[in-house]
C-alpha atoms as a PDB file:
ATOM      1  CA  UNK A   1       9.935 -17.036  -9.198  1.00  0.00           C
ATOM      2  CA  UNK A   2      10.193 -15.524  -5.720  1.00  0.00           C
ATOM      3  CA  UNK A   3       7.520 -16.063  -3.098  1.00  0.00           C
ATOM      4  CA  UNK A   4       8.156 -12.636  -1.512  1.00  0.00           C
ATOM      5  CA  UNK A   5       7.355  -9.107  -2.620  1.00  0.00           C
ATOM      6  CA  UNK A   6       8.284  -5.643  -1.412  1.00  0.00           C
ATOM      7  CA  UNK A   7       5.619  -4.210   0.914  1.00  0.00           C
ATOM      8  CA  UNK A   8       5.452  -0.627   2.100  1.00  0.00           C
ATOM      9  CA  UNK A   9       2.652   0.335   4.495  1.00  0.00           C
ATOM     10  CA  UNK A  10       2.305   4.052   5.114  1.00  0.00           C
ATOM     11  CA  UNK A  11       0.400   5.690   7.962  1.00  0.00           C
ATOM     12  CA  UNK A  12      -0.321   9.401   8.129  1.00  0.00           C
ATOM     13  CA  UNK A  13       2.602  10.202  10.407  1.00  0.00           C
ATOM     14  CA  UNK A  14       5.113   7.427   9.623  1.00  0.00           C
ATOM     15  CA  UNK A  15       6.071   4.362   7.611  1.00  0.00           C
ATOM     16  CA  UNK A  16       4.520   1.396   9.423  1.00  0.00           C
ATOM     17  CA  UNK A  17       6.424  -1.324   7.504  1.00  0.00           C
ATOM     18  CA  UNK A  18       8.917  -1.305   4.636  1.00  0.00           C
ATOM     19  CA  UNK A  19      10.394  -4.669   3.626  1.00  0.00           C
ATOM     20  CA  UNK A  20       9.773  -8.075   2.075  1.00  0.00           C
ATOM     21  CA  UNK A  21       6.531  -9.940   2.744  1.00  0.00           C
ATOM     22  CA  UNK A  22       5.014 -13.301   1.807  1.00  0.00           C
ATOM     23  CA  UNK A  23       1.374 -12.184   1.950  1.00  0.00           C
ATOM     24  CA  UNK A  24      -0.849  -9.300   3.038  1.00  0.00           C
ATOM     25  CA  UNK A  25      -4.500  -9.557   4.165  1.00  0.00           C
ATOM     26  CA  UNK A  26      -6.687  -6.486   4.723  1.00  0.00           C
ATOM     27  CA  UNK A  27     -10.154  -5.008   4.346  1.00  0.00           C
ATOM     28  CA  UNK A  28     -10.816  -2.411   1.659  1.00  0.00           C
ATOM     29  CA  UNK A  29     -14.035  -0.517   1.051  1.00  0.00           C
ATOM     30  CA  UNK A  30     -15.184  -3.088  -1.503  1.00  0.00           C
ATOM     31  CA  UNK A  31     -14.263  -6.278   0.395  1.00  0.00           C
ATOM     32  CA  UNK A  32     -11.382  -8.365   1.715  1.00  0.00           C
ATOM     33  CA  UNK A  33      -8.094  -8.660  -0.172  1.00  0.00           C
ATOM     34  CA  UNK A  34      -5.048 -10.885  -0.067  1.00  0.00           C
ATOM     35  CA  UNK A  35      -1.896  -9.831  -1.909  1.00  0.00           C
ATOM     36  CA  UNK A  36       0.760 -12.414  -2.841  1.00  0.00           C
ATOM     37  CA  UNK A  37       4.007 -12.326  -4.812  1.00  0.00           C
ATOM     38  CA  UNK A  38       3.628 -11.737  -8.575  1.00  0.00           C
ATOM     39  CA  UNK A  39       0.479  -9.615  -8.188  1.00  0.00           C
ATOM     40  CA  UNK A  40       0.305  -6.394 -10.157  1.00  0.00           C
ATOM     41  CA  UNK A  41       1.601  -3.375  -8.206  1.00  0.00           C
ATOM     42  CA  UNK A  42      -1.250  -1.616  -6.424  1.00  0.00           C
ATOM     43  CA  UNK A  43      -1.825   1.536  -4.394  1.00  0.00           C
ATOM     44  CA  UNK A  44      -5.141   1.718  -2.561  1.00  0.00           C
ATOM     45  CA  UNK A  45      -6.865   3.214   0.428  1.00  0.00           C
ATOM     46  CA  UNK A  46      -7.832   0.598   2.983  1.00  0.00           C
ATOM     47  CA  UNK A  47     -10.545   0.434   5.572  1.00  0.00           C
ATOM     48  CA  UNK A  48      -9.633   1.071   9.183  1.00  0.00           C
ATOM     49  CA  UNK A  49      -9.090  -2.235  10.927  1.00  0.00           C
ATOM     50  CA  UNK A  50      -6.690  -5.111  11.314  1.00  0.00           C
ATOM     51  CA  UNK A  51      -4.064  -5.808   8.661  1.00  0.00           C
ATOM     52  CA  UNK A  52      -2.081  -9.059   8.733  1.00  0.00           C
ATOM     53  CA  UNK A  53       1.085  -9.798   6.800  1.00  0.00           C
ATOM     54  CA  UNK A  54       3.515 -12.711   6.789  1.00  0.00           C
ATOM     55  CA  UNK A  55       7.269 -12.179   6.697  1.00  0.00           C
ATOM     56  CA  UNK A  56      10.392 -14.296   7.217  1.00  0.00           C
ATOM     57  CA  UNK A  57      12.800 -13.712  10.100  1.00  0.00           C
ATOM     58  CA  UNK A  58      16.587 -13.977   9.762  1.00  0.00           C
ATOM     59  CA  UNK A  59      16.463 -17.777  10.196  1.00  0.00           C
ATOM     60  CA  UNK A  60      13.820 -18.207   7.460  1.00  0.00           C
ATOM     61  CA  UNK A  61      10.874 -18.825   9.814  1.00  0.00           C
ATOM     62  CA  UNK A  62       7.514 -17.351   8.817  1.00  0.00           C
ATOM     63  CA  UNK A  63       6.058 -14.785  11.230  1.00  0.00           C
ATOM     64  CA  UNK A  64       2.580 -13.242  11.145  1.00  0.00           C
ATOM     65  CA  UNK A  65       2.578  -9.521  11.942  1.00  0.00           C
ATOM     66  CA  UNK A  66      -0.578  -7.597  12.777  1.00  0.00           C
ATOM     67  CA  UNK A  67      -1.213  -3.892  12.458  1.00  0.00           C
ATOM     68  CA  UNK A  68      -4.252  -1.854  13.351  1.00  0.00           C
END
């Protein structure tokens, strides 16, 4: 089983991120969420704020990315 999943984050005017991710942390209107590999596919509106997701670079190192 893979520890990555495909993540696509859309903003109103552009695609913010489209690629593989290890995890995603964000605030929704009903609380905090963390998405990991093997979760059910989900589409949801999120609360304005900071979103953090972990990805791997070309050498396999984990990197934490932050979006607002």
